[in-house]
């Protein structure tokens, strides 16, 4: 597993990526954003020459990454993390608030 701040990349088998997964939308500058910080506006971004960020068409907040050779997760306030080839499920850290859960503000 790989963690950067409130974002966790969990290795999965390629077959665990849902068949309903489609390429996730990129931001205006073409970045593949795993999570955007609510407090600072900074973003956890994955970059790589043959990296694909996917979102489940039935639940756009369920993200997956396919890395063919290599990738990096970058953020303005965290150290860069090297990600080897493989498939990953993206998990956002959550916190409990009375009656529900919410993503942790980074």
PDB file of N, CA and C in Angstrom:
ATOM      1  N   UNK A   1       0.838  -1.181   0.000  1.00  0.00           N
ATOM      2  CA  UNK A   1       0.000   0.000   0.000  1.00  0.00           C
ATOM      3  C   UNK A   1       0.883   1.245   0.000  1.00  0.00           C
ATOM      4  N   UNK A   2       0.340   2.306  -0.535  1.00  0.00           N
ATOM      5  CA  UNK A   2       1.057   3.566  -0.604  1.00  0.00           C
ATOM      6  C   UNK A   2       0.129   4.669  -0.097  1.00  0.00           C
ATOM      7  N   UNK A   3       0.632   5.480   0.834  1.00  0.00           N
ATOM      8  CA  UNK A   3      -0.180   6.562   1.399  1.00  0.00           C
ATOM      9  C   UNK A   3       0.536   7.891   1.224  1.00  0.00           C
ATOM     10  N   UNK A   4      -0.250   8.891   0.841  1.00  0.00           N
ATOM     11  CA  UNK A   4       0.236  10.262   0.811  1.00  0.00           C
ATOM     12  C   UNK A   4      -0.872  11.108   1.439  1.00  0.00           C
ATOM     13  N   UNK A   5      -0.619  11.615   2.646  1.00  0.00           N
ATOM     14  CA  UNK A   5      -1.644  12.389   3.341  1.00  0.00           C
ATOM     15  C   UNK A   5      -2.883  11.555   3.569  1.00  0.00           C
ATOM     16  N   UNK A   6      -4.031  12.038   3.105  1.00  0.00           N
ATOM     17  CA  UNK A   6      -5.300  11.334   3.310  1.00  0.00           C
ATOM     18  C   UNK A   6      -5.684  10.426   2.145  1.00  0.00           C
ATOM     19  N   UNK A   7      -4.727  10.143   1.244  1.00  0.00           N
ATOM     20  CA  UNK A   7      -4.986   9.278   0.092  1.00  0.00           C
ATOM     21  C   UNK A   7      -4.188   7.983   0.222  1.00  0.00           C
ATOM     22  N   UNK A   8      -4.866   6.859   0.044  1.00  0.00           N
ATOM     23  CA  UNK A   8      -4.251   5.533   0.125  1.00  0.00           C
ATOM     24  C   UNK A   8      -4.443   4.819  -1.199  1.00  0.00           C
ATOM     25  N   UNK A   9      -3.362   4.250  -1.747  1.00  0.00           N
ATOM     26  CA  UNK A   9      -3.444   3.419  -2.945  1.00  0.00           C
ATOM     27  C   UNK A   9      -3.284   1.972  -2.505  1.00  0.00           C
ATOM     28  N   UNK A  10      -4.306   1.168  -2.746  1.00  0.00           N
ATOM     29  CA  UNK A  10      -4.322  -0.228  -2.335  1.00  0.00           C
ATOM     30  C   UNK A  10      -4.145  -1.101  -3.575  1.00  0.00           C
ATOM     31  N   UNK A  11      -3.096  -1.927  -3.623  1.00  0.00           N
ATOM     32  CA  UNK A  11      -2.911  -2.806  -4.790  1.00  0.00           C
ATOM     33  C   UNK A  11      -4.079  -3.786  -4.911  1.00  0.00           C
ATOM     34  N   UNK A  12      -4.537  -3.986  -6.136  1.00  0.00           N
ATOM     35  CA  UNK A  12      -5.605  -4.944  -6.417  1.00  0.00           C
ATOM     36  C   UNK A  12      -5.235  -5.724  -7.673  1.00  0.00           C
ATOM     37  N   UNK A  13      -5.902  -6.849  -7.878  1.00  0.00           N
ATOM     38  CA  UNK A  13      -5.726  -7.603  -9.124  1.00  0.00           C
ATOM     39  C   UNK A  13      -6.385  -6.814 -10.252  1.00  0.00           C
ATOM     40  N   UNK A  14      -5.833  -6.905 -11.443  1.00  0.00           N
ATOM     41  CA  UNK A  14      -6.381  -6.163 -12.587  1.00  0.00           C
ATOM     42  C   UNK A  14      -7.863  -6.467 -12.790  1.00  0.00           C
ATOM     43  N   UNK A  15      -8.272  -7.692 -12.509  1.00  0.00           N
ATOM     44  CA  UNK A  15      -9.672  -8.089 -12.669  1.00  0.00           C
ATOM     45  C   UNK A  15     -10.610  -7.461 -11.659  1.00  0.00           C
ATOM     46  N   UNK A  16     -10.076  -6.815 -10.626  1.00  0.00           N
ATOM     47  CA  UNK A  16     -10.918  -6.175  -9.615  1.00  0.00           C
ATOM     48  C   UNK A  16     -11.370  -4.772 -10.015  1.00  0.00           C
ATOM     49  N   UNK A  17     -10.795  -4.226 -11.076  1.00  0.00           N
ATOM     50  CA  UNK A  17     -11.263  -2.938 -11.587  1.00  0.00           C
ATOM     51  C   UNK A  17     -12.622  -3.202 -12.226  1.00  0.00           C
ATOM     52  N   UNK A  18     -13.674  -2.495 -11.809  1.00  0.00           N
ATOM     53  CA  UNK A  18     -15.012  -2.771 -12.333  1.00  0.00           C
ATOM     54  C   UNK A  18     -15.098  -2.599 -13.849  1.00  0.00           C
ATOM     55  N   UNK A  19     -15.914  -3.417 -14.474  1.00  0.00           N
ATOM     56  CA  UNK A  19     -16.106  -3.292 -15.922  1.00  0.00           C
ATOM     57  C   UNK A  19     -16.815  -1.988 -16.259  1.00  0.00           C
ATOM     58  N   UNK A  20     -17.432  -1.362 -15.267  1.00  0.00           N
ATOM     59  CA  UNK A  20     -18.111  -0.081 -15.485  1.00  0.00           C
ATOM     60  C   UNK A  20     -17.159   1.106 -15.340  1.00  0.00           C
ATOM     61  N   UNK A  21     -15.854   0.841 -15.114  1.00  0.00           N
ATOM     62  CA  UNK A  21     -14.889   1.930 -14.947  1.00  0.00           C
ATOM     63  C   UNK A  21     -14.580   2.584 -16.293  1.00  0.00           C
ATOM     64  N   UNK A  22     -14.546   3.905 -16.272  1.00  0.00           N
ATOM     65  CA  UNK A  22     -14.256   4.703 -17.469  1.00  0.00           C
ATOM     66  C   UNK A  22     -13.155   5.704 -17.110  1.00  0.00           C
ATOM     67  N   UNK A  23     -12.450   6.250 -18.091  1.00  0.00           N
ATOM     68  CA  UNK A  23     -11.431   7.253 -17.767  1.00  0.00           C
ATOM     69  C   UNK A  23     -12.036   8.406 -16.955  1.00  0.00           C
ATOM     70  N   UNK A  24     -11.386   8.731 -15.852  1.00  0.00           N
ATOM     71  CA  UNK A  24     -11.871   9.811 -14.985  1.00  0.00           C
ATOM     72  C   UNK A  24     -11.588  11.150 -15.639  1.00  0.00           C
ATOM     73  N   UNK A  25     -12.463  12.119 -15.402  1.00  0.00           N
ATOM     74  CA  UNK A  25     -12.198  13.441 -15.969  1.00  0.00           C
ATOM     75  C   UNK A  25     -10.929  14.048 -15.383  1.00  0.00           C
ATOM     76  N   UNK A  26     -10.231  14.802 -16.214  1.00  0.00           N
ATOM     77  CA  UNK A  26      -9.019  15.505 -15.770  1.00  0.00           C
ATOM     78  C   UNK A  26      -9.395  16.949 -15.458  1.00  0.00           C
ATOM     79  N   UNK A  27      -8.522  17.629 -14.715  1.00  0.00           N
ATOM     80  CA  UNK A  27      -8.798  19.032 -14.434  1.00  0.00           C
ATOM     81  C   UNK A  27      -8.448  19.871 -15.661  1.00  0.00           C
ATOM     82  N   UNK A  28      -8.602  21.171 -15.553  1.00  0.00           N
ATOM     83  CA  UNK A  28      -8.387  22.073 -16.700  1.00  0.00           C
ATOM     84  C   UNK A  28      -6.992  22.008 -17.284  1.00  0.00           C
ATOM     85  N   UNK A  29      -6.014  21.662 -16.443  1.00  0.00           N
ATOM     86  CA  UNK A  29      -4.640  21.577 -16.954  1.00  0.00           C
ATOM     87  C   UNK A  29      -4.255  20.147 -17.341  1.00  0.00           C
ATOM     88  N   UNK A  30      -5.218  19.235 -17.350  1.00  0.00           N
ATOM     89  CA  UNK A  30      -4.964  17.870 -17.798  1.00  0.00           C
ATOM     90  C   UNK A  30      -4.458  16.922 -16.723  1.00  0.00           C
ATOM     91  N   UNK A  31      -4.449  17.370 -15.460  1.00  0.00           N
ATOM     92  CA  UNK A  31      -3.940  16.526 -14.383  1.00  0.00           C
ATOM     93  C   UNK A  31      -4.951  15.450 -13.978  1.00  0.00           C
ATOM     94  N   UNK A  32      -4.421  14.306 -13.529  1.00  0.00           N
ATOM     95  CA  UNK A  32      -5.254  13.228 -12.987  1.00  0.00           C
ATOM     96  C   UNK A  32      -5.257  13.378 -11.470  1.00  0.00           C
ATOM     97  N   UNK A  33      -6.338  13.917 -10.932  1.00  0.00           N
ATOM     98  CA  UNK A  33      -6.414  14.245  -9.514  1.00  0.00           C
ATOM     99  C   UNK A  33      -7.050  13.108  -8.727  1.00  0.00           C
ATOM    100  N   UNK A  34      -6.299  12.620  -7.729  1.00  0.00           N
ATOM    101  CA  UNK A  34      -6.804  11.577  -6.839  1.00  0.00           C
ATOM    102  C   UNK A  34      -7.682  12.186  -5.757  1.00  0.00           C
ATOM    103  N   UNK A  35      -7.303  13.362  -5.257  1.00  0.00           N
ATOM    104  CA  UNK A  35      -8.075  14.067  -4.228  1.00  0.00           C
ATOM    105  C   UNK A  35      -7.610  15.512  -4.199  1.00  0.00           C
ATOM    106  N   UNK A  36      -8.563  16.378  -3.966  1.00  0.00           N
ATOM    107  CA  UNK A  36      -8.258  17.807  -3.848  1.00  0.00           C
ATOM    108  C   UNK A  36      -8.413  18.203  -2.390  1.00  0.00           C
ATOM    109  N   UNK A  37      -7.457  18.956  -1.875  1.00  0.00           N
ATOM    110  CA  UNK A  37      -7.512  19.403  -0.491  1.00  0.00           C
ATOM    111  C   UNK A  37      -8.551  20.491  -0.302  1.00  0.00           C
ATOM    112  N   UNK A  38      -9.450  20.281   0.654  1.00  0.00           N
ATOM    113  CA  UNK A  38     -10.493  21.266   0.918  1.00  0.00           C
ATOM    114  C   UNK A  38      -9.931  22.486   1.634  1.00  0.00           C
ATOM    115  N   UNK A  39      -8.935  22.274   2.492  1.00  0.00           N
ATOM    116  CA  UNK A  39      -8.397  23.372   3.289  1.00  0.00           C
ATOM    117  C   UNK A  39      -7.443  24.264   2.488  1.00  0.00           C
ATOM    118  N   UNK A  40      -6.596  23.661   1.650  1.00  0.00           N
ATOM    119  CA  UNK A  40      -5.562  24.435   0.956  1.00  0.00           C
ATOM    120  C   UNK A  40      -5.805  24.585  -0.536  1.00  0.00           C
ATOM    121  N   UNK A  41      -6.648  23.734  -1.107  1.00  0.00           N
ATOM    122  CA  UNK A  41      -6.853  23.758  -2.549  1.00  0.00           C
ATOM    123  C   UNK A  41      -5.803  22.980  -3.312  1.00  0.00           C
ATOM    124  N   UNK A  42      -4.777  22.475  -2.599  1.00  0.00           N
ATOM    125  CA  UNK A  42      -3.759  21.655  -3.251  1.00  0.00           C
ATOM    126  C   UNK A  42      -4.364  20.303  -3.615  1.00  0.00           C
ATOM    127  N   UNK A  43      -3.698  19.574  -4.507  1.00  0.00           N
ATOM    128  CA  UNK A  43      -4.252  18.312  -4.980  1.00  0.00           C
ATOM    129  C   UNK A  43      -3.219  17.193  -4.936  1.00  0.00           C
ATOM    130  N   UNK A  44      -3.706  15.983  -4.685  1.00  0.00           N
ATOM    131  CA  UNK A  44      -2.900  14.769  -4.826  1.00  0.00           C
ATOM    132  C   UNK A  44      -3.078  14.351  -6.288  1.00  0.00           C
ATOM    133  N   UNK A  45      -1.991  14.344  -7.040  1.00  0.00           N
ATOM    134  CA  UNK A  45      -2.038  14.108  -8.484  1.00  0.00           C
ATOM    135  C   UNK A  45      -1.160  12.920  -8.821  1.00  0.00           C
ATOM    136  N   UNK A  46      -1.649  12.037  -9.705  1.00  0.00           N
ATOM    137  CA  UNK A  46      -0.814  10.928 -10.173  1.00  0.00           C
ATOM    138  C   UNK A  46      -0.343  11.256 -11.581  1.00  0.00           C
ATOM    139  N   UNK A  47       0.948  11.048 -11.809  1.00  0.00           N
ATOM    140  CA  UNK A  47       1.542  11.326 -13.115  1.00  0.00           C
ATOM    141  C   UNK A  47       2.369  10.116 -13.549  1.00  0.00           C
ATOM    142  N   UNK A  48       2.378   9.858 -14.830  1.00  0.00           N
ATOM    143  CA  UNK A  48       3.164   8.761 -15.374  1.00  0.00           C
ATOM    144  C   UNK A  48       2.911   8.637 -16.861  1.00  0.00           C
ATOM    145  N   UNK A  49       3.878   8.122 -17.601  1.00  0.00           N
ATOM    146  CA  UNK A  49       3.757   8.070 -19.059  1.00  0.00           C
ATOM    147  C   UNK A  49       2.649   7.148 -19.552  1.00  0.00           C
ATOM    148  N   UNK A  50       2.328   6.134 -18.794  1.00  0.00           N
ATOM    149  CA  UNK A  50       1.314   5.155 -19.216  1.00  0.00           C
ATOM    150  C   UNK A  50       0.405   4.817 -18.041  1.00  0.00           C
ATOM    151  N   UNK A  51      -0.078   5.869 -17.389  1.00  0.00           N
ATOM    152  CA  UNK A  51      -0.930   5.746 -16.210  1.00  0.00           C
ATOM    153  C   UNK A  51      -2.337   6.179 -16.575  1.00  0.00           C
ATOM    154  N   UNK A  52      -3.326   5.433 -16.090  1.00  0.00           N
ATOM    155  CA  UNK A  52      -4.721   5.718 -16.399  1.00  0.00           C
ATOM    156  C   UNK A  52      -5.516   5.781 -15.109  1.00  0.00           C
ATOM    157  N   UNK A  53      -6.183   6.911 -14.877  1.00  0.00           N
ATOM    158  CA  UNK A  53      -7.078   7.077 -13.737  1.00  0.00           C
ATOM    159  C   UNK A  53      -8.485   6.754 -14.209  1.00  0.00           C
ATOM    160  N   UNK A  54      -9.140   5.840 -13.496  1.00  0.00           N
ATOM    161  CA  UNK A  54     -10.474   5.383 -13.873  1.00  0.00           C
ATOM    162  C   UNK A  54     -11.469   5.674 -12.763  1.00  0.00           C
ATOM    163  N   UNK A  55     -12.704   5.973 -13.140  1.00  0.00           N
ATOM    164  CA  UNK A  55     -13.792   6.165 -12.186  1.00  0.00           C
ATOM    165  C   UNK A  55     -14.891   5.176 -12.535  1.00  0.00           C
ATOM    166  N   UNK A  56     -15.513   4.615 -11.512  1.00  0.00           N
ATOM    167  CA  UNK A  56     -16.636   3.705 -11.737  1.00  0.00           C
ATOM    168  C   UNK A  56     -17.805   4.529 -12.262  1.00  0.00           C
ATOM    169  N   UNK A  57     -18.304   4.185 -13.411  1.00  0.00           N
ATOM    170  CA  UNK A  57     -19.399   4.929 -14.042  1.00  0.00           C
ATOM    171  C   UNK A  57     -20.626   4.984 -13.134  1.00  0.00           C
ATOM    172  N   UNK A  58     -20.822   3.946 -12.317  1.00  0.00           N
ATOM    173  CA  UNK A  58     -21.971   3.895 -11.418  1.00  0.00           C
ATOM    174  C   UNK A  58     -21.737   4.645 -10.109  1.00  0.00           C
ATOM    175  N   UNK A  59     -20.493   4.997  -9.809  1.00  0.00           N
ATOM    176  CA  UNK A  59     -20.144   5.740  -8.594  1.00  0.00           C
ATOM    177  C   UNK A  59     -18.860   6.502  -8.884  1.00  0.00           C
ATOM    178  N   UNK A  60     -18.982   7.721  -9.370  1.00  0.00           N
ATOM    179  CA  UNK A  60     -17.848   8.511  -9.861  1.00  0.00           C
ATOM    180  C   UNK A  60     -16.795   8.763  -8.782  1.00  0.00           C
ATOM    181  N   UNK A  61     -17.155   8.600  -7.507  1.00  0.00           N
ATOM    182  CA  UNK A  61     -16.194   8.798  -6.421  1.00  0.00           C
ATOM    183  C   UNK A  61     -15.335   7.561  -6.169  1.00  0.00           C
ATOM    184  N   UNK A  62     -15.657   6.427  -6.796  1.00  0.00           N
ATOM    185  CA  UNK A  62     -14.823   5.214  -6.681  1.00  0.00           C
ATOM    186  C   UNK A  62     -13.760   5.289  -7.766  1.00  0.00           C
ATOM    187  N   UNK A  63     -12.504   5.507  -7.351  1.00  0.00           N
ATOM    188  CA  UNK A  63     -11.415   5.674  -8.306  1.00  0.00           C
ATOM    189  C   UNK A  63     -10.461   4.491  -8.291  1.00  0.00           C
ATOM    190  N   UNK A  64      -9.886   4.228  -9.460  1.00  0.00           N
ATOM    191  CA  UNK A  64      -8.904   3.171  -9.652  1.00  0.00           C
ATOM    192  C   UNK A  64      -7.799   3.722 -10.539  1.00  0.00           C
ATOM    193  N   UNK A  65      -6.598   3.165 -10.399  1.00  0.00           N
ATOM    194  CA  UNK A  65      -5.466   3.572 -11.233  1.00  0.00           C
ATOM    195  C   UNK A  65      -4.844   2.331 -11.834  1.00  0.00           C
ATOM    196  N   UNK A  66      -4.536   2.406 -13.127  1.00  0.00           N
ATOM    197  CA  UNK A  66      -3.754   1.363 -13.801  1.00  0.00           C
ATOM    198  C   UNK A  66      -2.424   1.993 -14.202  1.00  0.00           C
ATOM    199  N   UNK A  67      -1.331   1.389 -13.726  1.00  0.00           N
ATOM    200  CA  UNK A  67       0.013   1.870 -14.024  1.00  0.00           C
ATOM    201  C   UNK A  67       0.712   0.765 -14.815  1.00  0.00           C
ATOM    202  N   UNK A  68       1.096   1.044 -16.049  1.00  0.00           N
ATOM    203  CA  UNK A  68       1.738   0.031 -16.883  1.00  0.00           C
ATOM    204  C   UNK A  68       3.215  -0.109 -16.517  1.00  0.00           C
ATOM    205  N   UNK A  69       3.944   0.990 -16.396  1.00  0.00           N
ATOM    206  CA  UNK A  69       5.373   0.881 -16.078  1.00  0.00           C
ATOM    207  C   UNK A  69       5.731   1.551 -14.751  1.00  0.00           C
ATOM    208  N   UNK A  70       5.361   2.820 -14.592  1.00  0.00           N
ATOM    209  CA  UNK A  70       5.695   3.538 -13.359  1.00  0.00           C
ATOM    210  C   UNK A  70       4.855   4.805 -13.286  1.00  0.00           C
ATOM    211  N   UNK A  71       4.719   5.316 -12.059  1.00  0.00           N
ATOM    212  CA  UNK A  71       3.992   6.568 -11.846  1.00  0.00           C
ATOM    213  C   UNK A  71       4.514   7.214 -10.570  1.00  0.00           C
ATOM    214  N   UNK A  72       4.065   8.441 -10.342  1.00  0.00           N
ATOM    215  CA  UNK A  72       4.397   9.152  -9.111  1.00  0.00           C
ATOM    216  C   UNK A  72       3.141   9.858  -8.616  1.00  0.00           C
ATOM    217  N   UNK A  73       2.995   9.912  -7.299  1.00  0.00           N
ATOM    218  CA  UNK A  73       1.937  10.721  -6.702  1.00  0.00           C
ATOM    219  C   UNK A  73       2.614  11.957  -6.137  1.00  0.00           C
ATOM    220  N   UNK A  74       2.147  13.130  -6.570  1.00  0.00           N
ATOM    221  CA  UNK A  74       2.751  14.389  -6.158  1.00  0.00           C
ATOM    222  C   UNK A  74       1.716  15.268  -5.461  1.00  0.00           C
ATOM    223  N   UNK A  75       2.215  16.128  -4.573  1.00  0.00           N
ATOM    224  CA  UNK A  75       1.372  17.066  -3.827  1.00  0.00           C
ATOM    225  C   UNK A  75       2.286  18.193  -3.354  1.00  0.00           C
ATOM    226  N   UNK A  76       1.757  19.384  -3.289  1.00  0.00           N
ATOM    227  CA  UNK A  76       2.553  20.549  -2.934  1.00  0.00           C
ATOM    228  C   UNK A  76       3.119  20.492  -1.509  1.00  0.00           C
ATOM    229  N   UNK A  77       2.457  19.762  -0.606  1.00  0.00           N
ATOM    230  CA  UNK A  77       2.866  19.752   0.794  1.00  0.00           C
ATOM    231  C   UNK A  77       3.378  18.399   1.288  1.00  0.00           C
ATOM    232  N   UNK A  78       3.470  17.419   0.401  1.00  0.00           N
ATOM    233  CA  UNK A  78       3.931  16.080   0.781  1.00  0.00           C
ATOM    234  C   UNK A  78       5.077  15.665  -0.136  1.00  0.00           C
ATOM    235  N   UNK A  79       5.876  14.715   0.305  1.00  0.00           N
ATOM    236  CA  UNK A  79       6.922  14.170  -0.546  1.00  0.00           C
ATOM    237  C   UNK A  79       6.326  13.331  -1.667  1.00  0.00           C
ATOM    238  N   UNK A  80       7.007  13.298  -2.801  1.00  0.00           N
ATOM    239  CA  UNK A  80       6.564  12.502  -3.947  1.00  0.00           C
ATOM    240  C   UNK A  80       6.722  11.019  -3.638  1.00  0.00           C
ATOM    241  N   UNK A  81       5.775  10.222  -4.096  1.00  0.00           N
ATOM    242  CA  UNK A  81       5.803   8.777  -3.874  1.00  0.00           C
ATOM    243  C   UNK A  81       5.891   8.069  -5.229  1.00  0.00           C
ATOM    244  N   UNK A  82       6.837   7.158  -5.379  1.00  0.00           N
ATOM    245  CA  UNK A  82       6.958   6.352  -6.599  1.00  0.00           C
ATOM    246  C   UNK A  82       5.979   5.182  -6.504  1.00  0.00           C
ATOM    247  N   UNK A  83       5.253   4.944  -7.587  1.00  0.00           N
ATOM    248  CA  UNK A  83       4.266   3.866  -7.645  1.00  0.00           C
ATOM    249  C   UNK A  83       4.680   2.897  -8.750  1.00  0.00           C
ATOM    250  N   UNK A  84       4.885   1.619  -8.410  1.00  0.00           N
ATOM    251  CA  UNK A  84       5.262   0.645  -9.439  1.00  0.00           C
ATOM    252  C   UNK A  84       4.062   0.207 -10.274  1.00  0.00           C
ATOM    253  N   UNK A  85       4.355  -0.522 -11.340  1.00  0.00           N
ATOM    254  CA  UNK A  85       3.311  -1.036 -12.232  1.00  0.00           C
ATOM    255  C   UNK A  85       2.298  -1.847 -11.434  1.00  0.00           C
ATOM    256  N   UNK A  86       1.038  -1.756 -11.855  1.00  0.00           N
ATOM    257  CA  UNK A  86      -0.023  -2.518 -11.213  1.00  0.00           C
ATOM    258  C   UNK A  86      -1.338  -1.768 -11.253  1.00  0.00           C
ATOM    259  N   UNK A  87      -2.341  -2.371 -10.641  1.00  0.00           N
ATOM    260  CA  UNK A  87      -3.663  -1.761 -10.524  1.00  0.00           C
ATOM    261  C   UNK A  87      -3.895  -1.432  -9.056  1.00  0.00           C
ATOM    262  N   UNK A  88      -4.561  -0.304  -8.816  1.00  0.00           N
ATOM    263  CA  UNK A  88      -4.763   0.182  -7.460  1.00  0.00           C
ATOM    264  C   UNK A  88      -6.173   0.742  -7.291  1.00  0.00           C
ATOM    265  N   UNK A  89      -6.711   0.576  -6.087  1.00  0.00           N
ATOM    266  CA  UNK A  89      -7.962   1.222  -5.690  1.00  0.00           C
ATOM    267  C   UNK A  89      -7.567   2.428  -4.848  1.00  0.00           C
ATOM    268  N   UNK A  90      -8.206   3.560  -5.083  1.00  0.00           N
ATOM    269  CA  UNK A  90      -7.918   4.779  -4.339  1.00  0.00           C
ATOM    270  C   UNK A  90      -8.903   4.876  -3.174  1.00  0.00           C
ATOM    271  N   UNK A  91      -8.361   5.041  -1.972  1.00  0.00           N
ATOM    272  CA  UNK A  91      -9.187   5.156  -0.775  1.00  0.00           C
ATOM    273  C   UNK A  91      -8.885   6.492  -0.114  1.00  0.00           C
ATOM    274  N   UNK A  92      -9.915   7.273   0.151  1.00  0.00           N
ATOM    275  CA  UNK A  92      -9.768   8.529   0.894  1.00  0.00           C
ATOM    276  C   UNK A  92      -9.985   8.260   2.368  1.00  0.00           C
ATOM    277  N   UNK A  93      -9.109   8.790   3.201  1.00  0.00           N
ATOM    278  CA  UNK A  93      -9.295   8.657   4.641  1.00  0.00           C
ATOM    279  C   UNK A  93     -10.573   9.403   5.023  1.00  0.00           C
ATOM    280  N   UNK A  94     -11.333   8.778   5.931  1.00  0.00           N
ATOM    281  CA  UNK A  94     -12.577   9.393   6.379  1.00  0.00           C
ATOM    282  C   UNK A  94     -12.528   9.593   7.894  1.00  0.00           C
ATOM    283  N   UNK A  95     -13.412  10.457   8.364  1.00  0.00           N
ATOM    284  CA  UNK A  95     -13.546  10.650   9.797  1.00  0.00           C
ATOM    285  C   UNK A  95     -15.027  10.608  10.151  1.00  0.00           C
ATOM    286  N   UNK A  96     -15.288  10.171  11.366  1.00  0.00           N
ATOM    287  CA  UNK A  96     -16.668  10.065  11.820  1.00  0.00           C
ATOM    288  C   UNK A  96     -17.143  11.400  12.366  1.00  0.00           C
ATOM    289  N   UNK A  97     -18.312  11.802  11.954  1.00  0.00           N
ATOM    290  CA  UNK A  97     -19.013  12.932  12.550  1.00  0.00           C
ATOM    291  C   UNK A  97     -20.359  12.369  12.982  1.00  0.00           C
ATOM    292  N   UNK A  98     -20.934  12.847  14.038  1.00  0.00           N
ATOM    293  CA  UNK A  98     -22.176  12.245  14.534  1.00  0.00           C
ATOM    294  C   UNK A  98     -23.194  11.976  13.425  1.00  0.00           C
ATOM    295  N   UNK A  99     -23.487  10.700  13.263  1.00  0.00           N
ATOM    296  CA  UNK A  99     -24.487  10.276  12.286  1.00  0.00           C
ATOM    297  C   UNK A  99     -23.961   9.928  10.914  1.00  0.00           C
ATOM    298  N   UNK A 100     -22.697  10.214  10.602  1.00  0.00           N
ATOM    299  CA  UNK A 100     -22.196   9.894   9.262  1.00  0.00           C
ATOM    300  C   UNK A 100     -20.669   9.930   9.226  1.00  0.00           C
ATOM    301  N   UNK A 101     -20.144   9.770   8.005  1.00  0.00           N
ATOM    302  CA  UNK A 101     -18.702   9.841   7.736  1.00  0.00           C
ATOM    303  C   UNK A 101     -18.477  10.950   6.732  1.00  0.00           C
ATOM    304  N   UNK A 102     -17.273  11.541   6.751  1.00  0.00           N
ATOM    305  CA  UNK A 102     -16.902  12.531   5.736  1.00  0.00           C
ATOM    306  C   UNK A 102     -15.415  12.370   5.440  1.00  0.00           C
ATOM    307  N   UNK A 103     -14.995  12.773   4.229  1.00  0.00           N
ATOM    308  CA  UNK A 103     -13.565  12.717   3.908  1.00  0.00           C
ATOM    309  C   UNK A 103     -12.784  13.659   4.825  1.00  0.00           C
ATOM    310  N   UNK A 104     -11.583  13.263   5.189  1.00  0.00           N
ATOM    311  CA  UNK A 104     -10.709  14.105   5.992  1.00  0.00           C
ATOM    312  C   UNK A 104     -10.276  15.291   5.147  1.00  0.00           C
ATOM    313  N   UNK A 105     -10.328  16.478   5.703  1.00  0.00           N
ATOM    314  CA  UNK A 105      -9.875  17.676   4.981  1.00  0.00           C
ATOM    315  C   UNK A 105      -8.365  17.728   5.058  1.00  0.00           C
ATOM    316  N   UNK A 106      -7.717  17.799   3.893  1.00  0.00           N
ATOM    317  CA  UNK A 106      -6.254  17.833   3.814  1.00  0.00           C
ATOM    318  C   UNK A 106      -5.784  19.267   3.756  1.00  0.00           C
TER     319      UNK A 106
END
